[in-house]
Amino acid sequence: MEILIEAKSLRDEMSLEILRETYEYPHSIEYLSKKLGIPPSSCRKKISTLLSLGLIEEEMRVYNVKGQWISFYRAKVHPRRLST
């Protein structure tokens, strides 16, 4: 059952878009949600799934002026290898 859920998450177009956007440069959840037009909560859930699959990693964290940590994520695999 778990393998089926993971396979479905890879067929999700938004997950592939997140991998495409983060392959060259790391981006935050806030940036990705605005760029892809999805709510930050949905983006966070998709990134969490990609993290658990080992397809994306947290590259850095920065402390912003509001006193919050912002994580930046980068894809570990080229998205073209997954979309075929």
N, C-alpha and C. Protein backbone atom coordinates (compact mmCIF):
# COMPACT_ATOMS: atom_id res chain seq x y z
N MET A 1 0.81 -1.19 0.00
CA MET A 1 0.00 0.00 0.00
C MET A 1 0.86 1.26 0.00
N GLU A 2 1.94 1.24 0.81
CA GLU A 2 2.80 2.41 0.90
C GLU A 2 3.50 2.69 -0.44
N ILE A 3 3.90 1.65 -1.13
CA ILE A 3 4.56 1.82 -2.43
C ILE A 3 3.59 2.44 -3.44
N LEU A 4 2.33 2.03 -3.41
CA LEU A 4 1.33 2.59 -4.30
C LEU A 4 1.13 4.08 -4.04
N ILE A 5 1.08 4.47 -2.78
CA ILE A 5 0.93 5.89 -2.43
C ILE A 5 2.13 6.68 -2.94
N GLU A 6 3.34 6.16 -2.78
CA GLU A 6 4.54 6.84 -3.25
C GLU A 6 4.54 6.96 -4.77
N ALA A 7 4.11 5.92 -5.46
CA ALA A 7 4.05 5.98 -6.93
C ALA A 7 3.05 7.02 -7.40
N LYS A 8 1.91 7.12 -6.72
CA LYS A 8 0.93 8.13 -7.08
C LYS A 8 1.47 9.54 -6.87
N SER A 9 2.25 9.73 -5.81
CA SER A 9 2.79 11.08 -5.55
C SER A 9 3.76 11.50 -6.64
N LEU A 10 4.43 10.55 -7.28
CA LEU A 10 5.35 10.89 -8.36
C LEU A 10 4.61 11.23 -9.65
N ARG A 11 3.40 10.73 -9.81
CA ARG A 11 2.61 11.06 -11.00
C ARG A 11 1.88 12.38 -10.85
N ASP A 12 1.91 12.94 -9.66
CA ASP A 12 1.27 14.22 -9.40
C ASP A 12 2.05 15.32 -10.12
N GLU A 13 1.39 16.07 -10.96
CA GLU A 13 2.05 17.10 -11.77
C GLU A 13 2.68 18.19 -10.90
N MET A 14 2.03 18.56 -9.81
CA MET A 14 2.59 19.60 -8.94
C MET A 14 3.88 19.14 -8.28
N SER A 15 3.96 17.88 -7.91
CA SER A 15 5.20 17.35 -7.33
C SER A 15 6.33 17.41 -8.35
N LEU A 16 6.02 17.07 -9.59
CA LEU A 16 7.03 17.18 -10.65
C LEU A 16 7.43 18.63 -10.90
N GLU A 17 6.46 19.54 -10.81
CA GLU A 17 6.77 20.97 -10.96
C GLU A 17 7.69 21.46 -9.85
N ILE A 18 7.45 20.99 -8.64
CA ILE A 18 8.32 21.36 -7.51
C ILE A 18 9.74 20.86 -7.77
N LEU A 19 9.86 19.64 -8.27
CA LEU A 19 11.19 19.12 -8.60
C LEU A 19 11.85 19.93 -9.72
N ARG A 20 11.07 20.31 -10.72
CA ARG A 20 11.63 21.12 -11.82
C ARG A 20 12.11 22.48 -11.31
N GLU A 21 11.30 23.12 -10.47
CA GLU A 21 11.65 24.45 -9.96
C GLU A 21 12.86 24.42 -9.03
N THR A 22 13.05 23.33 -8.32
CA THR A 22 14.13 23.28 -7.32
C THR A 22 15.37 22.54 -7.80
N TYR A 23 15.40 22.14 -9.06
CA TYR A 23 16.55 21.38 -9.53
C TYR A 23 17.81 22.24 -9.63
N GLU A 24 17.70 23.42 -10.20
CA GLU A 24 18.88 24.28 -10.37
C GLU A 24 19.17 25.13 -9.15
N TYR A 25 18.13 25.68 -8.53
CA TYR A 25 18.29 26.58 -7.39
C TYR A 25 17.33 26.18 -6.28
N PRO A 26 17.75 26.31 -5.03
CA PRO A 26 16.84 26.01 -3.92
C PRO A 26 15.80 27.12 -3.76
N HIS A 27 14.60 26.73 -3.35
CA HIS A 27 13.51 27.69 -3.15
C HIS A 27 12.76 27.35 -1.88
N SER A 28 12.10 28.36 -1.33
CA SER A 28 11.29 28.20 -0.12
C SER A 28 9.87 27.76 -0.48
N ILE A 29 9.16 27.29 0.53
CA ILE A 29 7.76 26.90 0.34
C ILE A 29 6.94 28.11 -0.10
N GLU A 30 7.21 29.26 0.48
CA GLU A 30 6.46 30.47 0.14
C GLU A 30 6.64 30.82 -1.34
N TYR A 31 7.90 30.76 -1.80
CA TYR A 31 8.17 31.07 -3.21
C TYR A 31 7.48 30.06 -4.12
N LEU A 32 7.62 28.79 -3.81
CA LEU A 32 7.03 27.74 -4.66
C LEU A 32 5.51 27.83 -4.70
N SER A 33 4.89 28.12 -3.58
CA SER A 33 3.42 28.20 -3.58
C SER A 33 2.93 29.36 -4.44
N LYS A 34 3.64 30.49 -4.40
CA LYS A 34 3.26 31.63 -5.25
C LYS A 34 3.54 31.33 -6.72
N LYS A 35 4.69 30.76 -7.00
CA LYS A 35 5.10 30.47 -8.38
C LYS A 35 4.15 29.45 -9.04
N LEU A 36 3.76 28.43 -8.27
CA LEU A 36 2.93 27.36 -8.82
C LEU A 36 1.43 27.59 -8.64
N GLY A 37 1.07 28.61 -7.87
CA GLY A 37 -0.34 28.93 -7.67
C GLY A 37 -1.09 27.95 -6.81
N ILE A 38 -0.41 27.39 -5.81
CA ILE A 38 -1.07 26.46 -4.89
C ILE A 38 -0.93 27.01 -3.46
N PRO A 39 -1.81 26.62 -2.55
CA PRO A 39 -1.71 27.09 -1.16
C PRO A 39 -0.41 26.59 -0.50
N PRO A 40 0.15 27.38 0.41
CA PRO A 40 1.37 26.95 1.10
C PRO A 40 1.22 25.62 1.83
N SER A 41 0.04 25.34 2.37
CA SER A 41 -0.17 24.06 3.07
C SER A 41 -0.06 22.87 2.11
N SER A 42 -0.58 23.02 0.90
CA SER A 42 -0.47 21.94 -0.10
C SER A 42 0.99 21.77 -0.54
N CYS A 43 1.66 22.89 -0.71
CA CYS A 43 3.07 22.85 -1.11
C CYS A 43 3.90 22.17 -0.02
N ARG A 44 3.63 22.51 1.23
CA ARG A 44 4.35 21.92 2.37
C ARG A 44 4.13 20.41 2.41
N LYS A 45 2.91 19.97 2.15
CA LYS A 45 2.60 18.53 2.18
C LYS A 45 3.33 17.80 1.04
N LYS A 46 3.35 18.39 -0.14
CA LYS A 46 4.04 17.77 -1.28
C LYS A 46 5.55 17.71 -1.02
N ILE A 47 6.11 18.76 -0.44
CA ILE A 47 7.54 18.77 -0.13
C ILE A 47 7.85 17.73 0.94
N SER A 48 6.98 17.59 1.92
CA SER A 48 7.16 16.58 2.95
C SER A 48 7.21 15.17 2.34
N THR A 49 6.32 14.92 1.39
CA THR A 49 6.31 13.62 0.71
C THR A 49 7.59 13.42 -0.09
N LEU A 50 8.01 14.46 -0.82
CA LEU A 50 9.24 14.36 -1.61
C LEU A 50 10.46 14.17 -0.72
N LEU A 51 10.46 14.81 0.46
CA LEU A 51 11.55 14.62 1.43
C LEU A 51 11.60 13.17 1.90
N SER A 52 10.45 12.61 2.22
CA SER A 52 10.40 11.23 2.73
C SER A 52 10.83 10.22 1.66
N LEU A 53 10.63 10.57 0.39
CA LEU A 53 11.06 9.71 -0.71
C LEU A 53 12.53 9.91 -1.08
N GLY A 54 13.16 10.93 -0.51
CA GLY A 54 14.56 11.19 -0.79
C GLY A 54 14.80 11.88 -2.12
N LEU A 55 13.76 12.52 -2.67
CA LEU A 55 13.89 13.17 -3.97
C LEU A 55 14.24 14.65 -3.86
N ILE A 56 14.10 15.20 -2.66
CA ILE A 56 14.38 16.61 -2.43
C ILE A 56 15.05 16.70 -1.06
N GLU A 57 15.84 17.75 -0.85
CA GLU A 57 16.50 17.91 0.43
C GLU A 57 16.46 19.36 0.87
N GLU A 58 16.54 19.56 2.17
CA GLU A 58 16.62 20.92 2.70
C GLU A 58 18.08 21.36 2.54
N GLU A 59 18.30 22.35 1.70
CA GLU A 59 19.67 22.78 1.43
C GLU A 59 20.17 23.79 2.45
N MET A 60 19.29 24.69 2.87
CA MET A 60 19.71 25.68 3.86
C MET A 60 18.49 26.23 4.59
N ARG A 61 18.78 26.86 5.73
CA ARG A 61 17.75 27.55 6.51
C ARG A 61 18.28 28.94 6.81
N VAL A 62 17.41 29.92 6.68
CA VAL A 62 17.79 31.29 7.01
C VAL A 62 16.81 31.85 8.02
N TYR A 63 17.29 32.75 8.82
CA TYR A 63 16.49 33.41 9.85
C TYR A 63 16.04 34.75 9.29
N ASN A 64 14.74 34.96 9.15
CA ASN A 64 14.25 36.21 8.56
C ASN A 64 14.05 37.30 9.61
N VAL A 65 13.69 38.49 9.17
CA VAL A 65 13.54 39.63 10.08
C VAL A 65 12.36 39.49 11.04
N LYS A 66 11.43 38.60 10.72
CA LYS A 66 10.28 38.35 11.60
C LYS A 66 10.62 37.34 12.70
N GLY A 67 11.85 36.84 12.69
CA GLY A 67 12.25 35.86 13.69
C GLY A 67 11.83 34.44 13.37
N GLN A 68 11.65 34.13 12.08
CA GLN A 68 11.23 32.79 11.66
C GLN A 68 12.33 32.14 10.84
N TRP A 69 12.43 30.82 10.96
CA TRP A 69 13.35 30.07 10.11
C TRP A 69 12.64 29.75 8.79
N ILE A 70 13.32 30.01 7.69
CA ILE A 70 12.80 29.70 6.36
C ILE A 70 13.71 28.65 5.74
N SER A 71 13.13 27.53 5.34
CA SER A 71 13.89 26.45 4.71
C SER A 71 13.87 26.60 3.20
N PHE A 72 14.98 26.25 2.58
CA PHE A 72 15.10 26.25 1.13
C PHE A 72 15.40 24.83 0.68
N TYR A 73 14.67 24.38 -0.32
CA TYR A 73 14.74 22.99 -0.77
C TYR A 73 15.29 22.90 -2.19
N ARG A 74 16.03 21.79 -2.43
CA ARG A 74 16.58 21.54 -3.77
C ARG A 74 16.36 20.07 -4.12
N ALA A 75 15.99 19.84 -5.38
CA ALA A 75 15.78 18.47 -5.87
C ALA A 75 17.11 17.74 -5.95
N LYS A 76 17.08 16.45 -5.60
CA LYS A 76 18.28 15.62 -5.66
C LYS A 76 18.37 14.84 -6.96
N VAL A 77 17.28 14.78 -7.70
CA VAL A 77 17.25 14.05 -8.97
C VAL A 77 16.71 14.97 -10.06
N HIS A 78 17.10 14.69 -11.28
CA HIS A 78 16.58 15.49 -12.39
C HIS A 78 15.14 15.08 -12.67
N PRO A 79 14.22 16.05 -12.77
CA PRO A 79 12.80 15.71 -12.95
C PRO A 79 12.50 14.96 -14.25
N ARG A 80 13.35 15.11 -15.27
CA ARG A 80 13.11 14.39 -16.51
C ARG A 80 13.21 12.88 -16.32
N ARG A 81 14.03 12.44 -15.37
CA ARG A 81 14.19 11.02 -15.11
C ARG A 81 12.93 10.42 -14.52
N LEU A 82 12.08 11.25 -13.89
CA LEU A 82 10.87 10.74 -13.23
C LEU A 82 9.63 10.89 -14.09
N SER A 83 9.64 11.81 -15.05
CA SER A 83 8.43 12.08 -15.81
C SER A 83 8.20 11.13 -16.97
N THR A 84 9.14 10.26 -17.26
CA THR A 84 8.96 9.32 -18.38
C THR A 84 8.17 8.10 -17.99
